[in-house]
Amino acid sequence: MAHALASATPTYLSAATYGVIGSGRKELTPRLVTDFAAVLGIDARDLAALSGVILREVPPPPTPEATDTADLLWEARRLSSEQARHVSELAGSTRGDSRDAHLMEMPGL
């Protein structure tokens, strides 16, 4: 989730920070609700209502990058871990991106 949000939204937090937010030890902010909603492909107002976060203003529409990320995550939902790893490696080699090498070493990826 940290990588998806960092590449598709203005938010860049560590995976550990998202864990702290998920466990309720750190506040879920309106900005994060808006970013999560964009990457998950759902309306930010719906997610805010479900999470109890008050959005003080109408959120802007998601960026094309966030919409593409949501579409990609939805389509990838049935991939096995090996298939997902292969797609990640292929995407990294296509971009010439060396950071995918360290992503493969992370547990759960």
N, C-alpha and C. Protein backbone atom coordinates (compact mmCIF):
# COMPACT_ATOMS: atom_id res chain seq x y z
N MET A 1 0.82 -1.18 0.00
CA MET A 1 0.00 0.00 0.00
C MET A 1 0.87 1.25 0.00
N ALA A 2 1.97 1.20 0.74
CA ALA A 2 2.85 2.36 0.79
C ALA A 2 3.37 2.72 -0.60
N HIS A 3 3.75 1.73 -1.37
CA HIS A 3 4.27 1.98 -2.72
C HIS A 3 3.18 2.49 -3.65
N ALA A 4 1.99 1.93 -3.55
CA ALA A 4 0.88 2.36 -4.40
C ALA A 4 0.52 3.81 -4.10
N LEU A 5 0.41 4.15 -2.83
CA LEU A 5 0.06 5.52 -2.46
C LEU A 5 1.17 6.49 -2.85
N ALA A 6 2.42 6.09 -2.67
CA ALA A 6 3.54 6.98 -2.99
C ALA A 6 3.61 7.28 -4.49
N SER A 7 3.24 6.31 -5.31
CA SER A 7 3.35 6.54 -6.75
C SER A 7 2.11 7.18 -7.36
N ALA A 8 0.97 7.10 -6.67
CA ALA A 8 -0.28 7.58 -7.27
C ALA A 8 -0.91 8.78 -6.57
N THR A 9 -0.40 9.15 -5.40
CA THR A 9 -0.97 10.26 -4.64
C THR A 9 0.17 11.14 -4.10
N PRO A 10 -0.16 12.28 -3.52
CA PRO A 10 0.90 13.12 -2.94
C PRO A 10 1.46 12.57 -1.62
N THR A 11 0.89 11.50 -1.10
CA THR A 11 1.27 10.98 0.21
C THR A 11 2.41 9.97 0.10
N TYR A 12 3.44 10.18 0.92
CA TYR A 12 4.54 9.22 0.99
C TYR A 12 4.82 8.94 2.46
N LEU A 13 4.39 7.78 2.91
CA LEU A 13 4.64 7.33 4.28
C LEU A 13 5.23 5.93 4.22
N SER A 14 5.91 5.54 5.27
CA SER A 14 6.49 4.20 5.31
C SER A 14 5.40 3.16 5.53
N ALA A 15 5.70 1.93 5.17
CA ALA A 15 4.76 0.84 5.41
C ALA A 15 4.48 0.70 6.90
N ALA A 16 5.49 0.93 7.72
CA ALA A 16 5.30 0.85 9.18
C ALA A 16 4.30 1.89 9.67
N THR A 17 4.35 3.08 9.09
CA THR A 17 3.40 4.13 9.48
C THR A 17 1.98 3.72 9.14
N TYR A 18 1.79 3.11 7.98
CA TYR A 18 0.45 2.62 7.63
C TYR A 18 0.00 1.54 8.61
N GLY A 19 0.93 0.73 9.08
CA GLY A 19 0.59 -0.28 10.09
C GLY A 19 0.12 0.36 11.39
N VAL A 20 0.78 1.43 11.78
CA VAL A 20 0.40 2.14 13.01
C VAL A 20 -0.98 2.78 12.83
N ILE A 21 -1.24 3.34 11.67
CA ILE A 21 -2.55 3.93 11.39
C ILE A 21 -3.62 2.83 11.41
N GLY A 22 -3.33 1.71 10.78
CA GLY A 22 -4.27 0.60 10.74
C GLY A 22 -4.60 0.02 12.10
N SER A 23 -3.64 0.07 13.00
CA SER A 23 -3.88 -0.46 14.35
C SER A 23 -4.54 0.56 15.26
N GLY A 24 -4.75 1.77 14.75
CA GLY A 24 -5.43 2.80 15.53
C GLY A 24 -4.53 3.60 16.45
N ARG A 25 -3.22 3.41 16.37
CA ARG A 25 -2.29 4.15 17.23
C ARG A 25 -1.90 5.49 16.65
N LYS A 26 -2.31 5.76 15.41
CA LYS A 26 -2.07 7.05 14.76
C LYS A 26 -3.36 7.43 14.05
N GLU A 27 -3.66 8.71 14.07
CA GLU A 27 -4.91 9.21 13.50
C GLU A 27 -4.99 9.03 11.99
N LEU A 28 -6.14 8.63 11.53
CA LEU A 28 -6.44 8.58 10.11
C LEU A 28 -6.92 9.97 9.71
N THR A 29 -6.17 10.63 8.86
CA THR A 29 -6.46 12.02 8.49
C THR A 29 -7.37 12.09 7.26
N PRO A 30 -8.04 13.22 7.07
CA PRO A 30 -8.83 13.39 5.85
C PRO A 30 -8.01 13.20 4.57
N ARG A 31 -6.76 13.66 4.57
CA ARG A 31 -5.90 13.49 3.39
C ARG A 31 -5.69 12.01 3.09
N LEU A 32 -5.42 11.22 4.13
CA LEU A 32 -5.21 9.79 3.91
C LEU A 32 -6.49 9.10 3.45
N VAL A 33 -7.62 9.50 3.99
CA VAL A 33 -8.89 8.92 3.55
C VAL A 33 -9.07 9.19 2.06
N THR A 34 -8.82 10.42 1.64
CA THR A 34 -8.95 10.79 0.23
C THR A 34 -7.98 9.99 -0.63
N ASP A 35 -6.75 9.84 -0.17
CA ASP A 35 -5.75 9.08 -0.93
C ASP A 35 -6.10 7.60 -1.00
N PHE A 36 -6.48 7.01 0.14
CA PHE A 36 -6.88 5.60 0.15
C PHE A 36 -8.05 5.37 -0.80
N ALA A 37 -9.03 6.24 -0.73
CA ALA A 37 -10.22 6.09 -1.58
C ALA A 37 -9.84 6.13 -3.05
N ALA A 38 -8.96 7.05 -3.42
CA ALA A 38 -8.54 7.17 -4.82
C ALA A 38 -7.87 5.89 -5.30
N VAL A 39 -6.95 5.37 -4.49
CA VAL A 39 -6.21 4.17 -4.90
C VAL A 39 -7.09 2.92 -4.86
N LEU A 40 -8.09 2.91 -3.99
CA LEU A 40 -9.00 1.77 -3.91
C LEU A 40 -10.15 1.88 -4.91
N GLY A 41 -10.29 3.05 -5.53
CA GLY A 41 -11.34 3.22 -6.53
C GLY A 41 -12.73 3.38 -5.94
N ILE A 42 -12.82 3.99 -4.76
CA ILE A 42 -14.12 4.23 -4.15
C ILE A 42 -14.27 5.71 -3.84
N ASP A 43 -15.48 6.14 -3.59
CA ASP A 43 -15.74 7.54 -3.29
C ASP A 43 -15.18 7.90 -1.92
N ALA A 44 -14.44 8.99 -1.85
CA ALA A 44 -13.81 9.42 -0.60
C ALA A 44 -14.85 9.70 0.48
N ARG A 45 -16.01 10.22 0.09
CA ARG A 45 -17.05 10.51 1.08
C ARG A 45 -17.58 9.23 1.70
N ASP A 46 -17.69 8.17 0.90
CA ASP A 46 -18.13 6.88 1.44
C ASP A 46 -17.11 6.32 2.42
N LEU A 47 -15.82 6.37 2.05
CA LEU A 47 -14.78 5.87 2.94
C LEU A 47 -14.70 6.70 4.22
N ALA A 48 -14.87 8.00 4.10
CA ALA A 48 -14.87 8.87 5.28
C ALA A 48 -16.01 8.49 6.22
N ALA A 49 -17.18 8.26 5.66
CA ALA A 49 -18.33 7.87 6.49
C ALA A 49 -18.08 6.54 7.19
N LEU A 50 -17.50 5.59 6.47
CA LEU A 50 -17.21 4.28 7.06
C LEU A 50 -16.15 4.35 8.16
N SER A 51 -15.20 5.26 8.00
CA SER A 51 -14.08 5.34 8.95
C SER A 51 -14.30 6.36 10.05
N GLY A 52 -15.38 7.14 9.95
CA GLY A 52 -15.65 8.14 10.97
C GLY A 52 -14.82 9.40 10.86
N VAL A 53 -14.20 9.60 9.72
CA VAL A 53 -13.38 10.80 9.50
C VAL A 53 -14.24 11.86 8.81
N ILE A 54 -14.17 13.07 9.31
CA ILE A 54 -14.94 14.17 8.73
C ILE A 54 -14.10 14.87 7.66
N LEU A 55 -14.64 14.92 6.46
CA LEU A 55 -14.00 15.66 5.37
C LEU A 55 -14.58 17.07 5.38
N ARG A 56 -13.76 18.04 5.65
CA ARG A 56 -14.22 19.43 5.79
C ARG A 56 -14.54 20.09 4.46
N GLU A 57 -14.03 19.52 3.37
CA GLU A 57 -14.34 20.05 2.04
C GLU A 57 -14.53 18.89 1.09
N VAL A 58 -15.19 19.16 0.00
CA VAL A 58 -15.41 18.12 -1.01
C VAL A 58 -14.06 17.73 -1.60
N PRO A 59 -13.73 16.44 -1.57
CA PRO A 59 -12.43 16.03 -2.10
C PRO A 59 -12.36 16.21 -3.62
N PRO A 60 -11.17 16.54 -4.11
CA PRO A 60 -11.02 16.67 -5.56
C PRO A 60 -11.13 15.29 -6.21
N PRO A 61 -11.42 15.25 -7.49
CA PRO A 61 -11.46 13.94 -8.16
C PRO A 61 -10.07 13.31 -8.15
N PRO A 62 -10.01 11.99 -8.15
CA PRO A 62 -8.69 11.33 -8.16
C PRO A 62 -7.92 11.66 -9.43
N THR A 63 -6.61 11.66 -9.29
CA THR A 63 -5.74 11.89 -10.45
C THR A 63 -5.81 10.69 -11.39
N PRO A 64 -5.42 10.88 -12.64
CA PRO A 64 -5.38 9.74 -13.55
C PRO A 64 -4.47 8.61 -13.03
N GLU A 65 -3.37 8.98 -12.36
CA GLU A 65 -2.47 7.95 -11.81
C GLU A 65 -3.17 7.12 -10.74
N ALA A 66 -3.94 7.78 -9.89
CA ALA A 66 -4.66 7.06 -8.83
C ALA A 66 -5.75 6.17 -9.44
N THR A 67 -6.43 6.66 -10.44
CA THR A 67 -7.46 5.87 -11.10
C THR A 67 -6.85 4.65 -11.78
N ASP A 68 -5.73 4.85 -12.46
CA ASP A 68 -5.03 3.72 -13.09
C ASP A 68 -4.55 2.71 -12.06
N THR A 69 -4.05 3.22 -10.93
CA THR A 69 -3.59 2.32 -9.86
C THR A 69 -4.75 1.50 -9.32
N ALA A 70 -5.90 2.13 -9.09
CA ALA A 70 -7.07 1.41 -8.60
C ALA A 70 -7.49 0.33 -9.60
N ASP A 71 -7.50 0.68 -10.88
CA ASP A 71 -7.85 -0.30 -11.91
C ASP A 71 -6.87 -1.47 -11.93
N LEU A 72 -5.59 -1.16 -11.82
CA LEU A 72 -4.56 -2.20 -11.83
C LEU A 72 -4.68 -3.10 -10.61
N LEU A 73 -4.87 -2.52 -9.44
CA LEU A 73 -5.03 -3.33 -8.22
C LEU A 73 -6.25 -4.24 -8.32
N TRP A 74 -7.33 -3.72 -8.88
CA TRP A 74 -8.54 -4.54 -9.02
C TRP A 74 -8.28 -5.71 -9.97
N GLU A 75 -7.63 -5.44 -11.09
CA GLU A 75 -7.34 -6.50 -12.05
C GLU A 75 -6.34 -7.52 -11.52
N ALA A 76 -5.46 -7.10 -10.63
CA ALA A 76 -4.41 -7.98 -10.11
C ALA A 76 -4.88 -8.82 -8.92
N ARG A 77 -6.10 -8.65 -8.49
CA ARG A 77 -6.56 -9.29 -7.25
C ARG A 77 -6.53 -10.81 -7.28
N ARG A 78 -6.59 -11.39 -8.44
CA ARG A 78 -6.62 -12.86 -8.52
C ARG A 78 -5.26 -13.48 -8.84
N LEU A 79 -4.24 -12.65 -8.95
CA LEU A 79 -2.91 -13.19 -9.24
C LEU A 79 -2.35 -13.92 -8.03
N SER A 80 -1.64 -15.00 -8.28
CA SER A 80 -0.92 -15.67 -7.20
C SER A 80 0.27 -14.79 -6.82
N SER A 81 0.90 -15.09 -5.70
CA SER A 81 2.06 -14.29 -5.29
C SER A 81 3.18 -14.42 -6.32
N GLU A 82 3.34 -15.59 -6.90
CA GLU A 82 4.38 -15.76 -7.92
C GLU A 82 4.06 -14.95 -9.17
N GLN A 83 2.80 -14.94 -9.58
CA GLN A 83 2.41 -14.15 -10.74
C GLN A 83 2.60 -12.66 -10.47
N ALA A 84 2.23 -12.21 -9.28
CA ALA A 84 2.40 -10.79 -8.92
C ALA A 84 3.89 -10.42 -8.91
N ARG A 85 4.73 -11.31 -8.40
CA ARG A 85 6.17 -11.05 -8.39
C ARG A 85 6.69 -10.95 -9.82
N HIS A 86 6.23 -11.83 -10.69
CA HIS A 86 6.67 -11.79 -12.09
C HIS A 86 6.25 -10.46 -12.75
N VAL A 87 5.02 -10.04 -12.52
CA VAL A 87 4.54 -8.77 -13.09
C VAL A 87 5.39 -7.62 -12.56
N SER A 88 5.69 -7.62 -11.27
CA SER A 88 6.51 -6.56 -10.68
C SER A 88 7.91 -6.54 -11.29
N GLU A 89 8.50 -7.70 -11.43
CA GLU A 89 9.84 -7.78 -12.03
C GLU A 89 9.82 -7.31 -13.48
N LEU A 90 8.79 -7.72 -14.21
CA LEU A 90 8.67 -7.31 -15.61
C LEU A 90 8.49 -5.80 -15.72
N ALA A 91 7.64 -5.24 -14.87
CA ALA A 91 7.43 -3.79 -14.89
C ALA A 91 8.72 -3.05 -14.55
N GLY A 92 9.46 -3.55 -13.56
CA GLY A 92 10.72 -2.92 -13.19
C GLY A 92 11.75 -2.98 -14.30
N SER A 93 11.83 -4.12 -14.98
CA SER A 93 12.81 -4.24 -16.05
C SER A 93 12.40 -3.39 -17.26
N THR A 94 11.12 -3.25 -17.49
CA THR A 94 10.64 -2.42 -18.59
C THR A 94 10.96 -0.95 -18.34
N ARG A 95 10.83 -0.52 -17.08
CA ARG A 95 11.13 0.86 -16.72
C ARG A 95 12.63 1.09 -16.54
N GLY A 96 13.39 0.00 -16.38
CA GLY A 96 14.79 0.15 -16.05
C GLY A 96 14.95 0.59 -14.61
N ASP A 97 14.03 0.19 -13.78
CA ASP A 97 13.97 0.63 -12.38
C ASP A 97 14.64 -0.41 -11.49
N SER A 98 15.72 -0.02 -10.84
CA SER A 98 16.45 -0.95 -9.98
C SER A 98 15.82 -1.07 -8.59
N ARG A 99 14.85 -0.20 -8.24
CA ARG A 99 14.28 -0.28 -6.90
C ARG A 99 13.43 -1.52 -6.71
N ASP A 100 12.98 -2.17 -7.80
CA ASP A 100 12.19 -3.38 -7.64
C ASP A 100 13.00 -4.52 -7.03
N ALA A 101 14.29 -4.48 -7.17
CA ALA A 101 15.12 -5.53 -6.58
C ALA A 101 14.94 -5.58 -5.07
N HIS A 102 14.93 -4.40 -4.41
CA HIS A 102 14.77 -4.41 -2.96
C HIS A 102 13.32 -4.69 -2.56
N LEU A 103 12.33 -4.41 -3.43
CA LEU A 103 10.94 -4.73 -3.12
C LEU A 103 10.73 -6.22 -3.03
N MET A 104 11.43 -6.98 -3.84
CA MET A 104 11.27 -8.42 -3.83
C MET A 104 11.79 -9.04 -2.54
N GLU A 105 12.64 -8.30 -1.82
CA GLU A 105 13.17 -8.81 -0.58
C GLU A 105 12.25 -8.52 0.61
N MET A 106 11.23 -7.69 0.38
CA MET A 106 10.31 -7.33 1.47
C MET A 106 9.32 -8.45 1.70
N PRO A 107 9.08 -8.82 2.95
CA PRO A 107 8.10 -9.88 3.24
C PRO A 107 6.72 -9.48 2.72
N GLY A 108 6.02 -10.43 2.15
CA GLY A 108 4.68 -10.19 1.69
C GLY A 108 4.58 -9.65 0.28
N LEU A 109 5.69 -9.34 -0.35
CA LEU A 109 5.63 -8.85 -1.73
C LEU A 109 6.10 -9.91 -2.69
